Amino acid sequence: MAAPIRTLCCSVLRRCGRPFSTTCTAPAGEKWRKEHGLAPSGSEYGPMTDLPDWSFADGRPAPPLKGHLRRRQEREALARRIVMLNSEVDRGMEAWAQRQEEARQMEEHKKSLLLKPKGDRLFKKKSKS
């Protein structure tokens, strides 16, 4: 069933006067920016987006724009989330370490409850070690 539809689509696209491409589109320079550790597009962060566009003639900074305030709030929310998740991981690691310690103590307690060698066997074991 799929093959006839596929051939039908291909034949229709061949007759179509407009070019049709199925390749992925990537912004210009995205590969280079990723290779150099930069953002995929030039407008995500950096001086072109973070610094104000203008300032007053007497040197006072311009009031922040809506986009700048929005990006600042998004970054603050992301930072809060990172701190919260990091603290959760730390609490989880502490709980895991505590469970490991409790398991070790329980194992030692079980070993202490086992029967101990008495009499001649006690002396034979000590002489072997």
Protein backbone atom coordinates (compact mmCIF):
# COMPACT_ATOMS: atom_id res chain seq x y z
CA MET A 1 0.00 0.00 0.00
CA ALA A 2 2.82 2.41 0.87
CA ALA A 3 4.77 1.83 -2.34
CA PRO A 4 2.08 3.12 -4.76
CA ILE A 5 1.57 6.23 -2.64
CA ARG A 6 5.29 6.85 -2.56
CA THR A 7 5.66 6.53 -6.30
CA LEU A 8 2.64 8.74 -6.80
CA CYS A 9 4.14 11.44 -4.59
CA CYS A 10 7.50 11.19 -6.34
CA SER A 11 5.94 11.47 -9.79
CA VAL A 12 3.85 14.48 -8.73
CA LEU A 13 6.91 16.20 -7.26
CA ARG A 14 8.89 15.61 -10.47
CA ARG A 15 6.19 17.31 -12.53
CA CYS A 16 5.95 20.21 -10.11
CA GLY A 17 7.62 23.36 -11.37
CA ARG A 18 8.82 24.46 -7.93
CA PRO A 19 11.91 22.89 -6.40
CA PHE A 20 11.30 20.68 -3.39
CA SER A 21 14.01 19.71 -0.91
CA THR A 22 13.86 17.26 1.98
CA THR A 23 17.20 18.20 3.52
CA CYS A 24 17.51 19.77 6.95
CA THR A 25 17.95 23.48 7.07
CA ALA A 26 20.63 24.88 9.33
CA PRO A 27 21.40 28.53 9.99
CA ALA A 28 24.54 29.79 8.31
CA GLY A 29 27.61 29.17 10.44
CA GLU A 30 25.85 26.91 12.95
CA LYS A 31 28.39 24.13 12.53
CA TRP A 32 31.33 26.52 12.97
CA ARG A 33 29.78 28.12 16.07
CA LYS A 34 29.13 24.71 17.66
CA GLU A 35 32.70 23.59 16.92
CA HIS A 36 34.02 26.71 18.67
CA GLY A 37 31.75 26.33 21.71
CA LEU A 38 29.36 29.13 20.83
CA ALA A 39 25.58 29.24 20.62
CA PRO A 40 24.01 27.66 17.50
CA SER A 41 22.71 31.04 16.36
CA GLY A 42 24.33 34.41 16.87
CA SER A 43 21.30 35.88 18.61
CA GLU A 44 20.99 33.59 21.64
CA TYR A 45 23.55 35.23 23.93
CA GLY A 46 26.54 37.49 23.70
CA PRO A 47 27.19 41.20 23.40
CA MET A 48 24.80 41.66 20.49
CA THR A 49 21.86 40.52 22.61
CA ASP A 50 22.96 41.27 26.17
CA LEU A 51 24.25 44.83 25.84
CA PRO A 52 21.94 47.78 25.29
CA ASP A 53 21.55 49.16 21.79
CA TRP A 54 22.18 52.74 22.82
CA SER A 55 22.94 55.01 25.78
CA PHE A 56 22.28 58.63 26.64
CA ALA A 57 24.77 61.25 25.47
CA ASP A 58 25.74 62.04 29.07
CA GLY A 59 26.78 58.39 29.64
CA ARG A 60 23.72 57.09 31.47
CA PRO A 61 22.75 53.59 30.37
CA ALA A 62 19.59 53.05 28.40
CA PRO A 63 16.64 51.44 30.19
CA PRO A 64 16.52 47.68 29.66
CA LEU A 65 14.36 46.49 26.79
CA LYS A 66 11.56 43.93 27.13
CA GLY A 67 13.57 41.19 25.46
CA HIS A 68 16.53 41.82 27.76
CA LEU A 69 14.28 41.64 30.85
CA ARG A 70 12.64 38.46 29.55
CA ARG A 71 15.99 36.79 28.90
CA ARG A 72 17.23 37.83 32.34
CA GLN A 73 14.14 36.30 33.99
CA GLU A 74 14.52 33.10 31.96
CA ARG A 75 18.17 32.82 33.01
CA GLU A 76 17.31 33.45 36.66
CA ALA A 77 14.60 30.78 36.53
CA LEU A 78 17.06 28.36 34.91
CA ALA A 79 19.68 29.14 37.57
CA ARG A 80 17.12 28.54 40.34
CA ARG A 81 16.13 25.24 38.76
CA ILE A 82 19.77 24.17 38.46
CA VAL A 83 20.41 24.98 42.13
CA MET A 84 17.25 23.12 43.18
CA LEU A 85 18.12 20.03 41.11
CA ASN A 86 21.70 20.12 42.38
CA SER A 87 20.50 20.19 45.98
CA GLU A 88 18.17 17.26 45.24
CA VAL A 89 21.10 15.29 43.86
CA ASP A 90 23.17 16.15 46.93
CA ARG A 91 20.37 15.02 49.26
CA GLY A 92 20.02 11.82 47.24
CA MET A 93 23.74 11.11 47.47
CA GLU A 94 23.67 11.71 51.23
CA ALA A 95 20.67 9.39 51.64
CA TRP A 96 22.41 6.74 49.50
CA ALA A 97 25.58 7.00 51.59
CA GLN A 98 23.52 6.72 54.77
CA ARG A 99 21.74 3.60 53.46
CA GLN A 100 25.11 2.09 52.53
CA GLU A 101 26.43 2.79 56.03
CA GLU A 102 23.30 1.28 57.61
CA ALA A 103 23.65 -1.81 55.42
CA ARG A 104 27.30 -2.15 56.44
CA GLN A 105 26.40 -1.81 60.12
CA MET A 106 23.60 -4.37 59.73
CA GLU A 107 26.05 -6.80 58.11
CA GLU A 108 28.53 -6.30 60.95
CA HIS A 109 25.74 -6.82 63.48
CA LYS A 110 24.69 -10.07 61.75
CA LYS A 111 28.31 -11.27 61.79
CA SER A 112 28.57 -10.48 65.50
CA LEU A 113 25.49 -12.62 66.19
CA LEU A 114 26.98 -15.70 64.53
CA LEU A 115 28.27 -18.51 66.73
CA LYS A 116 31.86 -18.08 67.84
CA PRO A 117 34.36 -20.96 67.92
CA LYS A 118 34.93 -22.34 71.39
CA GLY A 119 37.67 -24.30 73.06
CA ASP A 120 40.27 -25.98 70.83
CA ARG A 121 38.81 -24.56 67.61
CA LEU A 122 39.36 -21.01 68.89
CA PHE A 123 43.07 -21.71 69.41
CA LYS A 124 43.45 -23.50 66.07
CA LYS A 125 42.01 -20.55 64.14
CA LYS A 126 44.24 -18.07 65.94
CA SER A 127 47.39 -20.10 65.23
CA LYS A 128 46.54 -20.31 61.49
CA SER A 129 46.33 -16.56 61.09
